[in-house]
């Protein structure tokens, strides 16, 4: 299905948006690597509460890192779909995904109706 429901200007805008998000996420992932490693603690200077805080912070960093990696994968997939002219169509029902939705979520693979239905389960 070609992306004929989107104009060239709309596609160009979405590509710029996706590439900017891709760059931002790659940078975020690079910077967040430090906080995802094992927690090393100096038992003499760190109390029990501080150790728990450090472990909790490390777990939050790991979760954020994983979420950013998944979003980066979705963005890469969207750029591939643009190149193959399959971008902008719902992967459930095949209907066009609205430009407004794509502006808000340029990596979206579902139309609003299918996404809403999926979220109810």
PDB file of N, CA and C in Angstrom:
ATOM      1  N   UNK A   1       0.837  -1.183   0.000  1.00  0.00           N
ATOM      2  CA  UNK A   1       0.000   0.000   0.000  1.00  0.00           C
ATOM      3  C   UNK A   1       0.884   1.250   0.000  1.00  0.00           C
ATOM      4  N   UNK A   2       0.849   2.027  -1.005  1.00  0.00           N
ATOM      5  CA  UNK A   2       1.655   3.242  -1.006  1.00  0.00           C
ATOM      6  C   UNK A   2       1.096   4.270  -0.030  1.00  0.00           C
ATOM      7  N   UNK A   3       1.948   5.171   0.389  1.00  0.00           N
ATOM      8  CA  UNK A   3       1.537   6.188   1.364  1.00  0.00           C
ATOM      9  C   UNK A   3       0.880   7.365   0.668  1.00  0.00           C
ATOM     10  N   UNK A   4      -0.065   7.097  -0.215  1.00  0.00           N
ATOM     11  CA  UNK A   4      -0.694   8.152  -1.016  1.00  0.00           C
ATOM     12  C   UNK A   4      -1.637   9.039  -0.218  1.00  0.00           C
ATOM     13  N   UNK A   5      -2.091   8.596   0.933  1.00  0.00           N
ATOM     14  CA  UNK A   5      -2.971   9.444   1.739  1.00  0.00           C
ATOM     15  C   UNK A   5      -2.180  10.534   2.465  1.00  0.00           C
ATOM     16  N   UNK A   6      -0.860  10.432   2.452  1.00  0.00           N
ATOM     17  CA  UNK A   6      -0.001  11.461   3.045  1.00  0.00           C
ATOM     18  C   UNK A   6       0.702  12.209   1.920  1.00  0.00           C
ATOM     19  N   UNK A   7       0.737  13.523   2.034  1.00  0.00           N
ATOM     20  CA  UNK A   7       1.434  14.307   1.016  1.00  0.00           C
ATOM     21  C   UNK A   7       2.947  14.176   1.202  1.00  0.00           C
ATOM     22  N   UNK A   8       3.693  14.569   0.195  1.00  0.00           N
ATOM     23  CA  UNK A   8       5.159  14.538   0.300  1.00  0.00           C
ATOM     24  C   UNK A   8       5.642  15.421   1.438  1.00  0.00           C
ATOM     25  N   UNK A   9       5.004  16.576   1.605  1.00  0.00           N
ATOM     26  CA  UNK A   9       5.376  17.484   2.693  1.00  0.00           C
ATOM     27  C   UNK A   9       5.109  16.844   4.057  1.00  0.00           C
ATOM     28  N   UNK A  10       3.982  16.160   4.184  1.00  0.00           N
ATOM     29  CA  UNK A  10       3.656  15.495   5.445  1.00  0.00           C
ATOM     30  C   UNK A  10       4.670  14.387   5.744  1.00  0.00           C
ATOM     31  N   UNK A  11       4.985  13.593   4.726  1.00  0.00           N
ATOM     32  CA  UNK A  11       5.962  12.519   4.914  1.00  0.00           C
ATOM     33  C   UNK A  11       7.322  13.099   5.278  1.00  0.00           C
ATOM     34  N   UNK A  12       7.731  14.169   4.600  1.00  0.00           N
ATOM     35  CA  UNK A  12       9.024  14.803   4.891  1.00  0.00           C
ATOM     36  C   UNK A  12       9.046  15.305   6.338  1.00  0.00           C
ATOM     37  N   UNK A  13       7.950  15.885   6.793  1.00  0.00           N
ATOM     38  CA  UNK A  13       7.875  16.377   8.168  1.00  0.00           C
ATOM     39  C   UNK A  13       7.982  15.221   9.157  1.00  0.00           C
ATOM     40  N   UNK A  14       7.292  14.130   8.870  1.00  0.00           N
ATOM     41  CA  UNK A  14       7.330  12.969   9.753  1.00  0.00           C
ATOM     42  C   UNK A  14       8.714  12.317   9.762  1.00  0.00           C
ATOM     43  N   UNK A  15       9.374  12.272   8.612  1.00  0.00           N
ATOM     44  CA  UNK A  15      10.735  11.720   8.542  1.00  0.00           C
ATOM     45  C   UNK A  15      11.672  12.557   9.401  1.00  0.00           C
ATOM     46  N   UNK A  16      11.586  13.881   9.293  1.00  0.00           N
ATOM     47  CA  UNK A  16      12.428  14.753  10.123  1.00  0.00           C
ATOM     48  C   UNK A  16      12.166  14.501  11.607  1.00  0.00           C
ATOM     49  N   UNK A  17      10.896  14.378  11.949  1.00  0.00           N
ATOM     50  CA  UNK A  17      10.517  14.136  13.335  1.00  0.00           C
ATOM     51  C   UNK A  17      11.073  12.791  13.823  1.00  0.00           C
ATOM     52  N   UNK A  18      10.932  11.753  13.010  1.00  0.00           N
ATOM     53  CA  UNK A  18      11.435  10.433  13.376  1.00  0.00           C
ATOM     54  C   UNK A  18      12.958  10.436  13.514  1.00  0.00           C
ATOM     55  N   UNK A  19      13.639  11.086  12.591  1.00  0.00           N
ATOM     56  CA  UNK A  19      15.106  11.112  12.651  1.00  0.00           C
ATOM     57  C   UNK A  19      15.603  11.913  13.850  1.00  0.00           C
ATOM     58  N   UNK A  20      14.884  12.972  14.209  1.00  0.00           N
ATOM     59  CA  UNK A  20      15.268  13.739  15.396  1.00  0.00           C
ATOM     60  C   UNK A  20      15.079  12.899  16.652  1.00  0.00           C
ATOM     61  N   UNK A  21      13.951  12.187  16.736  1.00  0.00           N
ATOM     62  CA  UNK A  21      13.717  11.306  17.882  1.00  0.00           C
ATOM     63  C   UNK A  21      14.764  10.209  17.936  1.00  0.00           C
ATOM     64  N   UNK A  22      15.124   9.678  16.772  1.00  0.00           N
ATOM     65  CA  UNK A  22      16.131   8.623  16.693  1.00  0.00           C
ATOM     66  C   UNK A  22      17.473   9.133  17.243  1.00  0.00           C
ATOM     67  N   UNK A  23      17.869  10.311  16.825  1.00  0.00           N
ATOM     68  CA  UNK A  23      19.120  10.904  17.301  1.00  0.00           C
ATOM     69  C   UNK A  23      19.072  11.136  18.806  1.00  0.00           C
ATOM     70  N   UNK A  24      17.964  11.686  19.285  1.00  0.00           N
ATOM     71  CA  UNK A  24      17.809  11.954  20.721  1.00  0.00           C
ATOM     72  C   UNK A  24      17.880  10.660  21.537  1.00  0.00           C
ATOM     73  N   UNK A  25      17.199   9.621  21.056  1.00  0.00           N
ATOM     74  CA  UNK A  25      17.193   8.351  21.791  1.00  0.00           C
ATOM     75  C   UNK A  25      18.570   7.685  21.777  1.00  0.00           C
ATOM     76  N   UNK A  26      19.260   7.746  20.652  1.00  0.00           N
ATOM     77  CA  UNK A  26      20.609   7.173  20.590  1.00  0.00           C
ATOM     78  C   UNK A  26      21.519   7.865  21.596  1.00  0.00           C
ATOM     79  N   UNK A  27      21.398   9.172  21.694  1.00  0.00           N
ATOM     80  CA  UNK A  27      22.182   9.937  22.659  1.00  0.00           C
ATOM     81  C   UNK A  27      21.785   9.560  24.090  1.00  0.00           C
ATOM     82  N   UNK A  28      20.491   9.467  24.328  1.00  0.00           N
ATOM     83  CA  UNK A  28      19.999   9.099  25.659  1.00  0.00           C
ATOM     84  C   UNK A  28      20.502   7.715  26.059  1.00  0.00           C
ATOM     85  N   UNK A  29      20.457   6.764  25.132  1.00  0.00           N
ATOM     86  CA  UNK A  29      20.921   5.412  25.427  1.00  0.00           C
ATOM     87  C   UNK A  29      22.412   5.396  25.739  1.00  0.00           C
ATOM     88  N   UNK A  30      23.173   6.179  25.008  1.00  0.00           N
ATOM     89  CA  UNK A  30      24.617   6.243  25.244  1.00  0.00           C
ATOM     90  C   UNK A  30      24.905   6.797  26.635  1.00  0.00           C
ATOM     91  N   UNK A  31      24.188   7.837  27.020  1.00  0.00           N
ATOM     92  CA  UNK A  31      24.411   8.454  28.327  1.00  0.00           C
ATOM     93  C   UNK A  31      23.869   7.613  29.479  1.00  0.00           C
ATOM     94  N   UNK A  32      22.857   6.832  29.225  1.00  0.00           N
ATOM     95  CA  UNK A  32      22.229   6.073  30.314  1.00  0.00           C
ATOM     96  C   UNK A  32      22.920   4.747  30.603  1.00  0.00           C
ATOM     97  N   UNK A  33      23.890   4.360  29.782  1.00  0.00           N
ATOM     98  CA  UNK A  33      24.584   3.088  30.021  1.00  0.00           C
ATOM     99  C   UNK A  33      25.232   3.041  31.393  1.00  0.00           C
ATOM    100  N   UNK A  34      25.759   4.167  31.851  1.00  0.00           N
ATOM    101  CA  UNK A  34      26.448   4.214  33.144  1.00  0.00           C
ATOM    102  C   UNK A  34      25.529   3.821  34.293  1.00  0.00           C
ATOM    103  N   UNK A  35      24.300   4.273  34.248  1.00  0.00           N
ATOM    104  CA  UNK A  35      23.377   4.044  35.354  1.00  0.00           C
ATOM    105  C   UNK A  35      22.716   2.686  35.359  1.00  0.00           C
ATOM    106  N   UNK A  36      23.001   1.847  34.363  1.00  0.00           N
ATOM    107  CA  UNK A  36      22.341   0.547  34.286  1.00  0.00           C
ATOM    108  C   UNK A  36      23.221  -0.586  34.781  1.00  0.00           C
ATOM    109  N   UNK A  37      24.459  -0.297  35.084  1.00  0.00           N
ATOM    110  CA  UNK A  37      25.378  -1.333  35.552  1.00  0.00           C
ATOM    111  C   UNK A  37      25.078  -1.739  36.984  1.00  0.00           C
ATOM    112  N   UNK A  38      25.784  -2.760  37.449  1.00  0.00           N
ATOM    113  CA  UNK A  38      25.592  -3.211  38.834  1.00  0.00           C
ATOM    114  C   UNK A  38      25.913  -2.083  39.824  1.00  0.00           C
ATOM    115  N   UNK A  39      25.213  -2.096  40.917  1.00  0.00           N
ATOM    116  CA  UNK A  39      25.418  -1.094  41.961  1.00  0.00           C
ATOM    117  C   UNK A  39      26.606  -1.533  42.809  1.00  0.00           C
ATOM    118  N   UNK A  40      27.606  -0.678  42.887  1.00  0.00           N
ATOM    119  CA  UNK A  40      28.733  -0.936  43.777  1.00  0.00           C
ATOM    120  C   UNK A  40      28.637   0.047  44.928  1.00  0.00           C
ATOM    121  N   UNK A  41      28.785  -0.490  46.117  1.00  0.00           N
ATOM    122  CA  UNK A  41      28.605   0.339  47.302  1.00  0.00           C
ATOM    123  C   UNK A  41      29.806   0.224  48.226  1.00  0.00           C
ATOM    124  N   UNK A  42      30.130   1.327  48.830  1.00  0.00           N
ATOM    125  CA  UNK A  42      31.146   1.361  49.866  1.00  0.00           C
ATOM    126  C   UNK A  42      30.413   1.130  51.184  1.00  0.00           C
ATOM    127  N   UNK A  43      30.555  -0.026  51.739  1.00  0.00           N
ATOM    128  CA  UNK A  43      29.810  -0.396  52.945  1.00  0.00           C
ATOM    129  C   UNK A  43      30.114   0.517  54.128  1.00  0.00           C
ATOM    130  N   UNK A  44      31.276   1.159  54.140  1.00  0.00           N
ATOM    131  CA  UNK A  44      31.645   2.021  55.251  1.00  0.00           C
ATOM    132  C   UNK A  44      30.930   3.366  55.211  1.00  0.00           C
ATOM    133  N   UNK A  45      30.686   3.890  53.997  1.00  0.00           N
ATOM    134  CA  UNK A  45      30.154   5.252  53.906  1.00  0.00           C
ATOM    135  C   UNK A  45      28.688   5.320  53.493  1.00  0.00           C
ATOM    136  N   UNK A  46      28.100   4.207  53.160  1.00  0.00           N
ATOM    137  CA  UNK A  46      26.724   4.221  52.687  1.00  0.00           C
ATOM    138  C   UNK A  46      25.851   3.407  53.635  1.00  0.00           C
ATOM    139  N   UNK A  47      24.803   4.024  54.131  1.00  0.00           N
ATOM    140  CA  UNK A  47      23.885   3.334  55.031  1.00  0.00           C
ATOM    141  C   UNK A  47      22.911   2.459  54.270  1.00  0.00           C
ATOM    142  N   UNK A  48      22.120   1.709  55.011  1.00  0.00           N
ATOM    143  CA  UNK A  48      21.181   0.770  54.402  1.00  0.00           C
ATOM    144  C   UNK A  48      20.178   1.477  53.486  1.00  0.00           C
ATOM    145  N   UNK A  49      19.624   2.605  53.937  1.00  0.00           N
ATOM    146  CA  UNK A  49      18.646   3.338  53.135  1.00  0.00           C
ATOM    147  C   UNK A  49      19.300   3.841  51.850  1.00  0.00           C
ATOM    148  N   UNK A  50      20.504   4.327  51.937  1.00  0.00           N
ATOM    149  CA  UNK A  50      21.207   4.814  50.747  1.00  0.00           C
ATOM    150  C   UNK A  50      21.480   3.680  49.763  1.00  0.00           C
ATOM    151  N   UNK A  51      21.809   2.494  50.282  1.00  0.00           N
ATOM    152  CA  UNK A  51      22.023   1.341  49.400  1.00  0.00           C
ATOM    153  C   UNK A  51      20.728   0.994  48.673  1.00  0.00           C
ATOM    154  N   UNK A  52      19.629   1.028  49.411  1.00  0.00           N
ATOM    155  CA  UNK A  52      18.329   0.728  48.795  1.00  0.00           C
ATOM    156  C   UNK A  52      17.987   1.775  47.742  1.00  0.00           C
ATOM    157  N   UNK A  53      18.278   3.030  48.032  1.00  0.00           N
ATOM    158  CA  UNK A  53      18.042   4.097  47.057  1.00  0.00           C
ATOM    159  C   UNK A  53      18.887   3.886  45.804  1.00  0.00           C
ATOM    160  N   UNK A  54      20.131   3.509  45.978  1.00  0.00           N
ATOM    161  CA  UNK A  54      21.024   3.290  44.840  1.00  0.00           C
ATOM    162  C   UNK A  54      20.531   2.130  43.977  1.00  0.00           C
ATOM    163  N   UNK A  55      20.067   1.068  44.610  1.00  0.00           N
ATOM    164  CA  UNK A  55      19.547  -0.091  43.866  1.00  0.00           C
ATOM    165  C   UNK A  55      18.256   0.288  43.137  1.00  0.00           C
ATOM    166  N   UNK A  56      17.384   1.033  43.810  1.00  0.00           N
ATOM    167  CA  UNK A  56      16.142   1.470  43.171  1.00  0.00           C
ATOM    168  C   UNK A  56      16.441   2.375  41.978  1.00  0.00           C
ATOM    169  N   UNK A  57      17.383   3.289  42.133  1.00  0.00           N
ATOM    170  CA  UNK A  57      17.769   4.179  41.035  1.00  0.00           C
ATOM    171  C   UNK A  57      18.323   3.376  39.862  1.00  0.00           C
ATOM    172  N   UNK A  58      19.144   2.364  40.152  1.00  0.00           N
ATOM    173  CA  UNK A  58      19.700   1.517  39.097  1.00  0.00           C
ATOM    174  C   UNK A  58      18.580   0.777  38.359  1.00  0.00           C
ATOM    175  N   UNK A  59      17.587   0.274  39.096  1.00  0.00           N
ATOM    176  CA  UNK A  59      16.461  -0.432  38.473  1.00  0.00           C
ATOM    177  C   UNK A  59      15.639   0.506  37.599  1.00  0.00           C
ATOM    178  N   UNK A  60      15.450   1.748  38.049  1.00  0.00           N
ATOM    179  CA  UNK A  60      14.723   2.730  37.233  1.00  0.00           C
ATOM    180  C   UNK A  60      15.517   3.064  35.969  1.00  0.00           C
ATOM    181  N   UNK A  61      16.830   3.170  36.099  1.00  0.00           N
ATOM    182  CA  UNK A  61      17.671   3.435  34.927  1.00  0.00           C
ATOM    183  C   UNK A  61      17.590   2.295  33.921  1.00  0.00           C
ATOM    184  N   UNK A  62      17.588   1.066  34.407  1.00  0.00           N
ATOM    185  CA  UNK A  62      17.474  -0.094  33.509  1.00  0.00           C
ATOM    186  C   UNK A  62      16.130  -0.067  32.784  1.00  0.00           C
ATOM    187  N   UNK A  63      15.044   0.207  33.515  1.00  0.00           N
ATOM    188  CA  UNK A  63      13.713   0.261  32.900  1.00  0.00           C
ATOM    189  C   UNK A  63      13.634   1.375  31.860  1.00  0.00           C
ATOM    190  N   UNK A  64      14.169   2.552  32.176  1.00  0.00           N
ATOM    191  CA  UNK A  64      14.174   3.659  31.218  1.00  0.00           C
ATOM    192  C   UNK A  64      15.017   3.333  29.993  1.00  0.00           C
ATOM    193  N   UNK A  65      16.133   2.672  30.202  1.00  0.00           N
ATOM    194  CA  UNK A  65      17.013   2.278  29.099  1.00  0.00           C
ATOM    195  C   UNK A  65      16.284   1.297  28.172  1.00  0.00           C
ATOM    196  N   UNK A  66      15.613   0.325  28.759  1.00  0.00           N
ATOM    197  CA  UNK A  66      14.870  -0.665  27.962  1.00  0.00           C
ATOM    198  C   UNK A  66      13.736  -0.011  27.184  1.00  0.00           C
ATOM    199  N   UNK A  67      13.030   0.916  27.829  1.00  0.00           N
ATOM    200  CA  UNK A  67      11.935   1.609  27.158  1.00  0.00           C
ATOM    201  C   UNK A  67      12.455   2.448  25.983  1.00  0.00           C
ATOM    202  N   UNK A  68      13.568   3.134  26.180  1.00  0.00           N
ATOM    203  CA  UNK A  68      14.156   3.943  25.106  1.00  0.00           C
ATOM    204  C   UNK A  68      14.624   3.046  23.965  1.00  0.00           C
ATOM    205  N   UNK A  69      15.183   1.879  24.286  1.00  0.00           N
ATOM    206  CA  UNK A  69      15.643   0.947  23.247  1.00  0.00           C
ATOM    207  C   UNK A  69      14.463   0.433  22.425  1.00  0.00           C
ATOM    208  N   UNK A  70      13.339   0.137  23.079  1.00  0.00           N
ATOM    209  CA  UNK A  70      12.143  -0.312  22.350  1.00  0.00           C
ATOM    210  C   UNK A  70      11.592   0.783  21.446  1.00  0.00           C
ATOM    211  N   UNK A  71      11.565   2.018  21.948  1.00  0.00           N
ATOM    212  CA  UNK A  71      11.084   3.141  21.142  1.00  0.00           C
ATOM    213  C   UNK A  71      12.007   3.364  19.941  1.00  0.00           C
ATOM    214  N   UNK A  72      13.300   3.227  20.151  1.00  0.00           N
ATOM    215  CA  UNK A  72      14.252   3.372  19.046  1.00  0.00           C
ATOM    216  C   UNK A  72      14.009   2.302  17.980  1.00  0.00           C
ATOM    217  N   UNK A  73      13.708   1.099  18.410  1.00  0.00           N
ATOM    218  CA  UNK A  73      13.388   0.010  17.469  1.00  0.00           C
ATOM    219  C   UNK A  73      12.123   0.342  16.676  1.00  0.00           C
ATOM    220  N   UNK A  74      11.100   0.874  17.356  1.00  0.00           N
ATOM    221  CA  UNK A  74       9.855   1.260  16.684  1.00  0.00           C
ATOM    222  C   UNK A  74      10.096   2.371  15.660  1.00  0.00           C
ATOM    223  N   UNK A  75      10.951   3.318  16.011  1.00  0.00           N
ATOM    224  CA  UNK A  75      11.266   4.422  15.099  1.00  0.00           C
ATOM    225  C   UNK A  75      12.020   3.913  13.879  1.00  0.00           C
ATOM    226  N   UNK A  76      12.964   3.021  14.096  1.00  0.00           N
ATOM    227  CA  UNK A  76      13.694   2.430  12.968  1.00  0.00           C
ATOM    228  C   UNK A  76      12.747   1.678  12.041  1.00  0.00           C
ATOM    229  N   UNK A  77      11.793   0.962  12.627  1.00  0.00           N
ATOM    230  CA  UNK A  77      10.798   0.235  11.826  1.00  0.00           C
ATOM    231  C   UNK A  77       9.939   1.199  11.021  1.00  0.00           C
ATOM    232  N   UNK A  78       9.569   2.329  11.628  1.00  0.00           N
ATOM    233  CA  UNK A  78       8.763   3.324  10.914  1.00  0.00           C
ATOM    234  C   UNK A  78       9.541   3.885   9.718  1.00  0.00           C
ATOM    235  N   UNK A  79      10.819   4.157   9.899  1.00  0.00           N
ATOM    236  CA  UNK A  79      11.633   4.671   8.790  1.00  0.00           C
ATOM    237  C   UNK A  79      11.750   3.638   7.667  1.00  0.00           C
ATOM    238  N   UNK A  80      11.841   2.379   8.024  1.00  0.00           N
ATOM    239  CA  UNK A  80      11.875   1.311   7.018  1.00  0.00           C
ATOM    240  C   UNK A  80      10.545   1.249   6.266  1.00  0.00           C
ATOM    241  N   UNK A  81       9.424   1.382   7.009  1.00  0.00           N
ATOM    242  CA  UNK A  81       8.103   1.359   6.364  1.00  0.00           C
ATOM    243  C   UNK A  81       7.936   2.544   5.422  1.00  0.00           C
ATOM    244  N   UNK A  82       8.507   3.691   5.765  1.00  0.00           N
ATOM    245  CA  UNK A  82       8.437   4.848   4.874  1.00  0.00           C
ATOM    246  C   UNK A  82       9.177   4.534   3.586  1.00  0.00           C
ATOM    247  N   UNK A  83      10.371   3.960   3.698  1.00  0.00           N
ATOM    248  CA  UNK A  83      11.157   3.616   2.510  1.00  0.00           C
ATOM    249  C   UNK A  83      10.455   2.587   1.635  1.00  0.00           C
ATOM    250  N   UNK A  84       9.700   1.684   2.256  1.00  0.00           N
ATOM    251  CA  UNK A  84       9.008   0.645   1.485  1.00  0.00           C
ATOM    252  C   UNK A  84       7.586   1.049   1.108  1.00  0.00           C
ATOM    253  N   UNK A  85       7.207   2.294   1.431  1.00  0.00           N
ATOM    254  CA  UNK A  85       5.898   2.854   1.099  1.00  0.00           C
ATOM    255  C   UNK A  85       4.741   2.131   1.791  1.00  0.00           C
ATOM    256  N   UNK A  86       5.010   1.518   2.963  1.00  0.00           N
ATOM    257  CA  UNK A  86       3.965   0.874   3.753  1.00  0.00           C
ATOM    258  C   UNK A  86       3.606   1.687   4.986  1.00  0.00           C
ATOM    259  N   UNK A  87       4.183   2.850   5.107  1.00  0.00           N
ATOM    260  CA  UNK A  87       3.999   3.685   6.293  1.00  0.00           C
ATOM    261  C   UNK A  87       2.641   4.379   6.266  1.00  0.00           C
ATOM    262  N   UNK A  88       2.055   4.529   7.454  1.00  0.00           N
ATOM    263  CA  UNK A  88       0.830   5.303   7.578  1.00  0.00           C
ATOM    264  C   UNK A  88      -0.441   4.495   7.449  1.00  0.00           C
ATOM    265  N   UNK A  89      -0.304   3.181   7.400  1.00  0.00           N
ATOM    266  CA  UNK A  89      -1.484   2.314   7.336  1.00  0.00           C
ATOM    267  C   UNK A  89      -1.510   1.424   8.567  1.00  0.00           C
ATOM    268  N   UNK A  90      -2.702   1.222   9.106  1.00  0.00           N
ATOM    269  CA  UNK A  90      -2.892   0.402  10.289  1.00  0.00           C
ATOM    270  C   UNK A  90      -2.498  -1.045   9.989  1.00  0.00           C
ATOM    271  N   UNK A  91      -1.712  -1.625  10.851  1.00  0.00           N
ATOM    272  CA  UNK A  91      -1.291  -3.009  10.662  1.00  0.00           C
ATOM    273  C   UNK A  91      -2.358  -4.006  11.090  1.00  0.00           C
ATOM    274  N   UNK A  92      -3.443  -3.519  11.677  1.00  0.00           N
ATOM    275  CA  UNK A  92      -4.567  -4.387  12.050  1.00  0.00           C
ATOM    276  C   UNK A  92      -5.623  -4.406  10.951  1.00  0.00           C
ATOM    277  N   UNK A  93      -6.126  -3.219  10.604  1.00  0.00           N
ATOM    278  CA  UNK A  93      -7.274  -3.151   9.687  1.00  0.00           C
ATOM    279  C   UNK A  93      -6.899  -2.664   8.284  1.00  0.00           C
ATOM    280  N   UNK A  94      -5.701  -2.130   8.114  1.00  0.00           N
ATOM    281  CA  UNK A  94      -5.265  -1.667   6.802  1.00  0.00           C
ATOM    282  C   UNK A  94      -5.715  -0.267   6.426  1.00  0.00           C
ATOM    283  N   UNK A  95      -6.497   0.369   7.282  1.00  0.00           N
ATOM    284  CA  UNK A  95      -6.969   1.727   7.009  1.00  0.00           C
ATOM    285  C   UNK A  95      -5.850   2.738   7.245  1.00  0.00           C
ATOM    286  N   UNK A  96      -5.926   3.898   6.598  1.00  0.00           N
ATOM    287  CA  UNK A  96      -4.905   4.925   6.840  1.00  0.00           C
ATOM    288  C   UNK A  96      -4.908   5.410   8.292  1.00  0.00           C
ATOM    289  N   UNK A  97      -3.718   5.633   8.805  1.00  0.00           N
ATOM    290  CA  UNK A  97      -3.563   6.246  10.127  1.00  0.00           C
ATOM    291  C   UNK A  97      -3.549   7.747   9.885  1.00  0.00           C
ATOM    292  N   UNK A  98      -4.343   8.478  10.601  1.00  0.00           N
ATOM    293  CA  UNK A  98      -4.462   9.917  10.388  1.00  0.00           C
ATOM    294  C   UNK A  98      -3.160  10.668  10.619  1.00  0.00           C
ATOM    295  N   UNK A  99      -2.981  11.745   9.870  1.00  0.00           N
ATOM    296  CA  UNK A  99      -1.770  12.550   9.980  1.00  0.00           C
ATOM    297  C   UNK A  99      -1.614  13.116  11.387  1.00  0.00           C
ATOM    298  N   UNK A 100      -2.710  13.525  12.010  1.00  0.00           N
ATOM    299  CA  UNK A 100      -2.630  14.079  13.370  1.00  0.00           C
ATOM    300  C   UNK A 100      -2.070  13.036  14.341  1.00  0.00           C
ATOM    301  N   UNK A 101      -2.522  11.796  14.202  1.00  0.00           N
ATOM    302  CA  UNK A 101      -1.993  10.719  15.069  1.00  0.00           C
ATOM    303  C   UNK A 101      -0.516  10.488  14.779  1.00  0.00           C
ATOM    304  N   UNK A 102      -0.141  10.500  13.521  1.00  0.00           N
ATOM    305  CA  UNK A 102       1.260  10.285  13.164  1.00  0.00           C
ATOM    306  C   UNK A 102       2.148  11.430  13.647  1.00  0.00           C
ATOM    307  N   UNK A 103       1.616  12.645  13.677  1.00  0.00           N
ATOM    308  CA  UNK A 103       2.391  13.754  14.215  1.00  0.00           C
ATOM    309  C   UNK A 103       2.651  13.543  15.708  1.00  0.00           C
ATOM    310  N   UNK A 104       1.646  13.051  16.421  1.00  0.00           N
ATOM    311  CA  UNK A 104       1.790  12.817  17.857  1.00  0.00           C
ATOM    312  C   UNK A 104       2.640  11.578  18.137  1.00  0.00           C
ATOM    313  N   UNK A 105       2.471  10.546  17.332  1.00  0.00           N
ATOM    314  CA  UNK A 105       3.178   9.278  17.493  1.00  0.00           C
ATOM    315  C   UNK A 105       3.659   8.810  16.116  1.00  0.00           C
ATOM    316  N   UNK A 106       4.729   9.379  15.594  1.00  0.00           N
ATOM    317  CA  UNK A 106       5.129   9.040  14.223  1.00  0.00           C
ATOM    318  C   UNK A 106       5.513   7.574  14.024  1.00  0.00           C
ATOM    319  N   UNK A 107       5.753   6.862  15.096  1.00  0.00           N
ATOM    320  CA  UNK A 107       6.077   5.444  14.999  1.00  0.00           C
ATOM    321  C   UNK A 107       4.832   4.557  15.113  1.00  0.00           C
ATOM    322  N   UNK A 108       3.649   5.169  15.179  1.00  0.00           N
ATOM    323  CA  UNK A 108       2.399   4.423  15.355  1.00  0.00           C
ATOM    324  C   UNK A 108       2.192   3.419  14.226  1.00  0.00           C
ATOM    325  N   UNK A 109       1.743   2.224  14.611  1.00  0.00           N
ATOM    326  CA  UNK A 109       1.457   1.180  13.621  1.00  0.00           C
ATOM    327  C   UNK A 109      -0.032   0.868  13.544  1.00  0.00           C
ATOM    328  N   UNK A 110      -0.811   1.478  14.447  1.00  0.00           N
ATOM    329  CA  UNK A 110      -2.250   1.210  14.487  1.00  0.00           C
ATOM    330  C   UNK A 110      -3.022   2.514  14.373  1.00  0.00           C
ATOM    331  N   UNK A 111      -4.193   2.435  13.739  1.00  0.00           N
ATOM    332  CA  UNK A 111      -5.076   3.602  13.714  1.00  0.00           C
ATOM    333  C   UNK A 111      -5.639   3.789  15.122  1.00  0.00           C
ATOM    334  N   UNK A 112      -6.248   4.908  15.352  1.00  0.00           N
ATOM    335  CA  UNK A 112      -6.762   5.227  16.684  1.00  0.00           C
ATOM    336  C   UNK A 112      -7.803   4.208  17.145  1.00  0.00           C
ATOM    337  N   UNK A 113      -8.672   3.772  16.247  1.00  0.00           N
ATOM    338  CA  UNK A 113      -9.720   2.817  16.618  1.00  0.00           C
ATOM    339  C   UNK A 113      -9.121   1.479  17.053  1.00  0.00           C
ATOM    340  N   UNK A 114      -8.165   0.967  16.286  1.00  0.00           N
ATOM    341  CA  UNK A 114      -7.543  -0.317  16.628  1.00  0.00           C
ATOM    342  C   UNK A 114      -6.693  -0.204  17.889  1.00  0.00           C
ATOM    343  N   UNK A 115      -6.010   0.920  18.058  1.00  0.00           N
ATOM    344  CA  UNK A 115      -5.217   1.132  19.264  1.00  0.00           C
ATOM    345  C   UNK A 115      -6.116   1.177  20.494  1.00  0.00           C
ATOM    346  N   UNK A 116      -7.240   1.878  20.396  1.00  0.00           N
ATOM    347  CA  UNK A 116      -8.187   1.957  21.511  1.00  0.00           C
ATOM    348  C   UNK A 116      -8.744   0.584  21.851  1.00  0.00           C
ATOM    349  N   UNK A 117      -9.063  -0.177  20.836  1.00  0.00           N
ATOM    350  CA  UNK A 117      -9.590  -1.515  21.048  1.00  0.00           C
ATOM    351  C   UNK A 117      -8.556  -2.398  21.742  1.00  0.00           C
ATOM    352  N   UNK A 118      -7.308  -2.301  21.317  1.00  0.00           N
ATOM    353  CA  UNK A 118      -6.238  -3.109  21.895  1.00  0.00           C
ATOM    354  C   UNK A 118      -5.997  -2.749  23.359  1.00  0.00           C
ATOM    355  N   UNK A 119      -6.121  -1.463  23.697  1.00  0.00           N
ATOM    356  CA  UNK A 119      -5.874  -1.012  25.056  1.00  0.00           C
ATOM    357  C   UNK A 119      -6.972  -1.430  26.024  1.00  0.00           C
ATOM    358  N   UNK A 120      -8.137  -1.816  25.511  1.00  0.00           N
ATOM    359  CA  UNK A 120      -9.220  -2.244  26.379  1.00  0.00           C
ATOM    360  C   UNK A 120      -8.991  -3.643  26.925  1.00  0.00           C
ATOM    361  N   UNK A 121      -8.080  -4.381  26.347  1.00  0.00           N
ATOM    362  CA  UNK A 121      -7.826  -5.773  26.787  1.00  0.00           C
ATOM    363  C   UNK A 121      -6.655  -5.872  27.687  1.00  0.00           C
TER     364      UNK A 121
END
